[in-house]
N, C-alpha and C. Protein backbone atom coordinates (compact mmCIF):
# COMPACT_ATOMS: atom_id res chain seq x y z
N MET A 1 46.05 196.56 52.01
CA MET A 1 46.10 195.66 53.13
C MET A 1 45.70 194.27 52.67
N ALA A 2 46.27 193.27 53.29
CA ALA A 2 45.93 191.89 52.98
C ALA A 2 45.76 191.15 54.31
N PRO A 3 44.57 191.27 54.92
CA PRO A 3 44.36 190.60 56.21
C PRO A 3 44.35 189.08 56.06
N ALA A 4 44.77 188.42 57.12
CA ALA A 4 44.79 186.95 57.13
C ALA A 4 43.37 186.41 57.12
N ASN A 5 43.20 185.29 56.45
CA ASN A 5 41.93 184.58 56.44
C ASN A 5 42.09 183.37 57.35
N PRO A 6 41.46 183.39 58.53
CA PRO A 6 41.65 182.28 59.47
C PRO A 6 40.95 180.97 59.07
N LEU A 7 40.22 180.97 57.96
CA LEU A 7 39.54 179.77 57.46
C LEU A 7 38.66 179.11 58.52
N ARG A 8 37.85 179.91 59.16
CA ARG A 8 36.94 179.43 60.20
C ARG A 8 35.48 179.56 59.78
N GLY A 9 35.21 179.47 58.49
CA GLY A 9 33.85 179.61 58.02
C GLY A 9 33.51 181.07 57.76
N LEU A 10 32.26 181.31 57.41
CA LEU A 10 31.85 182.67 57.10
C LEU A 10 31.86 183.59 58.31
N ALA A 11 31.95 183.03 59.51
CA ALA A 11 32.08 183.86 60.70
C ALA A 11 33.37 184.67 60.65
N SER A 12 34.36 184.20 59.90
CA SER A 12 35.62 184.93 59.73
C SER A 12 35.40 186.27 59.06
N ALA A 13 34.31 186.41 58.34
CA ALA A 13 34.02 187.67 57.65
C ALA A 13 33.84 188.80 58.65
N ALA A 14 33.43 188.49 59.88
CA ALA A 14 33.25 189.53 60.90
C ALA A 14 34.57 190.22 61.21
N SER A 15 35.67 189.46 61.26
CA SER A 15 36.96 190.08 61.54
C SER A 15 37.40 190.95 60.37
N ILE A 16 37.09 190.54 59.16
CA ILE A 16 37.42 191.35 57.98
C ILE A 16 36.58 192.62 57.97
N ALA A 17 35.28 192.49 58.27
CA ALA A 17 34.39 193.64 58.31
C ALA A 17 34.83 194.63 59.38
N SER A 18 35.28 194.11 60.52
CA SER A 18 35.76 194.97 61.60
C SER A 18 36.98 195.77 61.15
N LEU A 19 37.90 195.10 60.50
CA LEU A 19 39.09 195.77 59.99
C LEU A 19 38.71 196.83 58.96
N VAL A 20 37.82 196.48 58.06
CA VAL A 20 37.39 197.41 57.00
C VAL A 20 36.75 198.65 57.61
N SER A 21 35.94 198.47 58.64
CA SER A 21 35.25 199.61 59.24
C SER A 21 36.22 200.58 59.92
N GLN A 22 37.43 200.13 60.21
CA GLN A 22 38.43 201.00 60.85
C GLN A 22 39.24 201.81 59.84
N ILE A 23 39.06 201.53 58.56
CA ILE A 23 39.78 202.25 57.51
C ILE A 23 39.03 203.53 57.21
N GLY A 24 39.73 204.64 57.25
CA GLY A 24 39.10 205.95 57.10
C GLY A 24 38.94 206.38 55.66
N GLY A 25 38.29 205.61 54.87
CA GLY A 25 38.08 205.97 53.47
C GLY A 25 37.41 204.84 52.74
N PRO A 26 37.21 205.02 51.44
CA PRO A 26 36.55 203.97 50.66
C PRO A 26 37.44 202.73 50.55
N VAL A 27 36.79 201.57 50.54
CA VAL A 27 37.50 200.29 50.50
C VAL A 27 36.95 199.45 49.34
N LEU A 28 37.86 198.86 48.59
CA LEU A 28 37.52 197.91 47.54
C LEU A 28 38.01 196.56 48.02
N LEU A 29 37.10 195.61 48.22
CA LEU A 29 37.48 194.28 48.70
C LEU A 29 37.70 193.35 47.52
N VAL A 30 38.77 192.56 47.59
CA VAL A 30 39.10 191.59 46.55
C VAL A 30 39.21 190.23 47.21
N GLY A 31 38.53 189.24 46.65
CA GLY A 31 38.57 187.89 47.20
C GLY A 31 38.89 186.87 46.12
N HIS A 32 39.72 185.91 46.49
CA HIS A 32 40.09 184.81 45.59
C HIS A 32 39.57 183.51 46.18
N THR A 33 39.04 182.65 45.39
CA THR A 33 38.44 181.37 45.77
C THR A 33 37.51 181.55 46.95
N TYR A 34 37.80 180.91 48.09
CA TYR A 34 36.95 180.97 49.27
C TYR A 34 36.78 182.41 49.78
N GLY A 35 37.79 183.23 49.56
CA GLY A 35 37.73 184.63 50.00
C GLY A 35 36.58 185.40 49.37
N GLY A 36 36.09 184.92 48.22
CA GLY A 36 34.94 185.57 47.60
C GLY A 36 33.72 185.53 48.49
N ALA A 37 33.51 184.42 49.15
CA ALA A 37 32.37 184.31 50.07
C ALA A 37 32.56 185.25 51.26
N LEU A 38 33.78 185.38 51.73
CA LEU A 38 34.05 186.27 52.86
C LEU A 38 33.80 187.73 52.51
N ILE A 39 34.27 188.16 51.33
CA ILE A 39 34.05 189.56 50.98
C ILE A 39 32.58 189.85 50.71
N THR A 40 31.82 188.84 50.30
CA THR A 40 30.39 189.03 50.10
C THR A 40 29.74 189.44 51.42
N VAL A 41 30.13 188.77 52.50
CA VAL A 41 29.58 189.08 53.83
C VAL A 41 30.18 190.37 54.37
N ALA A 42 31.50 190.50 54.32
CA ALA A 42 32.18 191.68 54.87
C ALA A 42 31.86 192.93 54.07
N GLY A 43 31.41 192.78 52.85
CA GLY A 43 31.12 193.92 51.99
C GLY A 43 29.95 194.76 52.44
N ALA A 44 29.27 194.37 53.50
CA ALA A 44 28.15 195.16 54.01
C ALA A 44 28.63 196.38 54.80
N ALA A 45 29.93 196.47 55.09
CA ALA A 45 30.47 197.63 55.82
C ALA A 45 30.19 198.89 55.01
N GLU A 46 29.91 199.99 55.71
CA GLU A 46 29.48 201.23 55.06
C GLU A 46 30.48 201.79 54.07
N ASN A 47 31.76 201.63 54.33
CA ASN A 47 32.77 202.26 53.47
C ASN A 47 33.24 201.37 52.32
N VAL A 48 32.61 200.21 52.14
CA VAL A 48 32.97 199.33 51.01
C VAL A 48 32.29 199.88 49.75
N VAL A 49 33.12 200.16 48.74
CA VAL A 49 32.61 200.74 47.50
C VAL A 49 32.50 199.72 46.38
N GLY A 50 33.07 198.52 46.59
CA GLY A 50 32.97 197.51 45.56
C GLY A 50 33.59 196.20 45.98
N LEU A 51 33.23 195.16 45.25
CA LEU A 51 33.74 193.81 45.49
C LEU A 51 34.31 193.28 44.18
N VAL A 52 35.49 192.67 44.26
CA VAL A 52 36.13 192.07 43.09
C VAL A 52 36.33 190.59 43.38
N TYR A 53 35.80 189.74 42.51
CA TYR A 53 35.90 188.29 42.67
C TYR A 53 36.90 187.76 41.64
N VAL A 54 37.95 187.11 42.11
CA VAL A 54 38.97 186.54 41.24
C VAL A 54 38.91 185.03 41.37
N ALA A 55 38.32 184.36 40.37
CA ALA A 55 38.14 182.91 40.43
C ALA A 55 37.61 182.52 41.81
N ALA A 56 36.53 183.15 42.21
CA ALA A 56 36.05 183.06 43.58
C ALA A 56 34.60 182.57 43.65
N TYR A 57 34.22 182.10 44.84
CA TYR A 57 32.83 181.79 45.13
C TYR A 57 32.06 183.10 45.23
N VAL A 58 30.92 183.17 44.55
CA VAL A 58 30.07 184.36 44.61
C VAL A 58 28.67 183.89 45.03
N PRO A 59 28.45 183.72 46.32
CA PRO A 59 27.14 183.22 46.76
C PRO A 59 26.04 184.27 46.59
N HIS A 60 24.86 183.78 46.28
CA HIS A 60 23.68 184.64 46.24
C HIS A 60 23.25 184.91 47.67
N GLU A 61 22.38 185.89 47.85
CA GLU A 61 21.88 186.21 49.18
C GLU A 61 21.25 184.97 49.82
N ARG A 62 21.64 184.68 51.03
CA ARG A 62 21.17 183.54 51.84
C ARG A 62 21.57 182.18 51.27
N GLU A 63 22.51 182.13 50.34
CA GLU A 63 23.00 180.87 49.80
C GLU A 63 24.23 180.43 50.60
N SER A 64 24.25 179.18 51.04
CA SER A 64 25.40 178.68 51.80
C SER A 64 26.48 178.21 50.85
N LEU A 65 27.70 178.09 51.37
CA LEU A 65 28.79 177.57 50.55
C LEU A 65 28.52 176.11 50.16
N GLY A 66 27.88 175.36 51.04
CA GLY A 66 27.54 173.98 50.74
C GLY A 66 26.59 173.89 49.55
N GLU A 67 25.59 174.76 49.52
CA GLU A 67 24.66 174.78 48.39
C GLU A 67 25.38 175.17 47.10
N LEU A 68 26.25 176.16 47.21
CA LEU A 68 26.99 176.62 46.04
C LEU A 68 27.90 175.53 45.50
N GLN A 69 28.65 174.89 46.40
CA GLN A 69 29.56 173.83 45.98
C GLN A 69 28.79 172.62 45.47
N GLY A 70 27.64 172.33 46.07
CA GLY A 70 26.84 171.19 45.66
C GLY A 70 26.30 171.30 44.24
N ALA A 71 26.22 172.52 43.73
CA ALA A 71 25.73 172.73 42.37
C ALA A 71 26.82 172.48 41.33
N LEU A 72 28.05 172.30 41.79
CA LEU A 72 29.19 172.10 40.88
C LEU A 72 29.57 170.62 40.83
N PRO A 73 30.18 170.19 39.75
CA PRO A 73 30.65 168.79 39.69
C PRO A 73 31.68 168.53 40.78
N ARG A 74 31.65 167.33 41.31
CA ARG A 74 32.60 166.94 42.36
C ARG A 74 34.01 166.86 41.78
N SER A 75 34.96 167.45 42.46
CA SER A 75 36.36 167.44 42.01
C SER A 75 36.96 166.06 42.15
N PRO A 76 37.77 165.63 41.18
CA PRO A 76 38.47 164.35 41.29
C PRO A 76 39.39 164.30 42.52
N LEU A 77 39.81 165.45 42.98
CA LEU A 77 40.65 165.53 44.17
C LEU A 77 39.96 164.92 45.39
N MET A 78 38.66 165.05 45.48
CA MET A 78 37.92 164.58 46.65
C MET A 78 38.10 163.08 46.90
N SER A 79 38.28 162.30 45.87
CA SER A 79 38.43 160.86 46.06
C SER A 79 39.80 160.51 46.68
N HIS A 80 40.70 161.46 46.74
CA HIS A 80 42.03 161.22 47.31
C HIS A 80 42.20 161.80 48.70
N LEU A 81 41.17 162.42 49.24
CA LEU A 81 41.24 163.03 50.57
C LEU A 81 40.66 162.10 51.61
N ASN A 82 41.24 162.09 52.78
CA ASN A 82 40.70 161.36 53.92
C ASN A 82 39.88 162.30 54.76
N GLU A 83 38.68 161.88 55.13
CA GLU A 83 37.81 162.74 55.96
C GLU A 83 38.01 162.45 57.41
């Protein structure tokens, strides 16, 4: 399964966790980039047997994405974006 990521912050992990809990067997979650943070949260579901991070954010317990990103060098892309 490849559920949609609504990109609404880590609260989106609740919808992934809900879907995972409805699967009648072991689940291996795979996350790419931002999806890594989502699977970290959704991975608390009882039937999750593992997490796979593919070039993904891997936050520590109680670490926010802002803290994680702040520890990395600023991307040159940021100077070309309008806020």
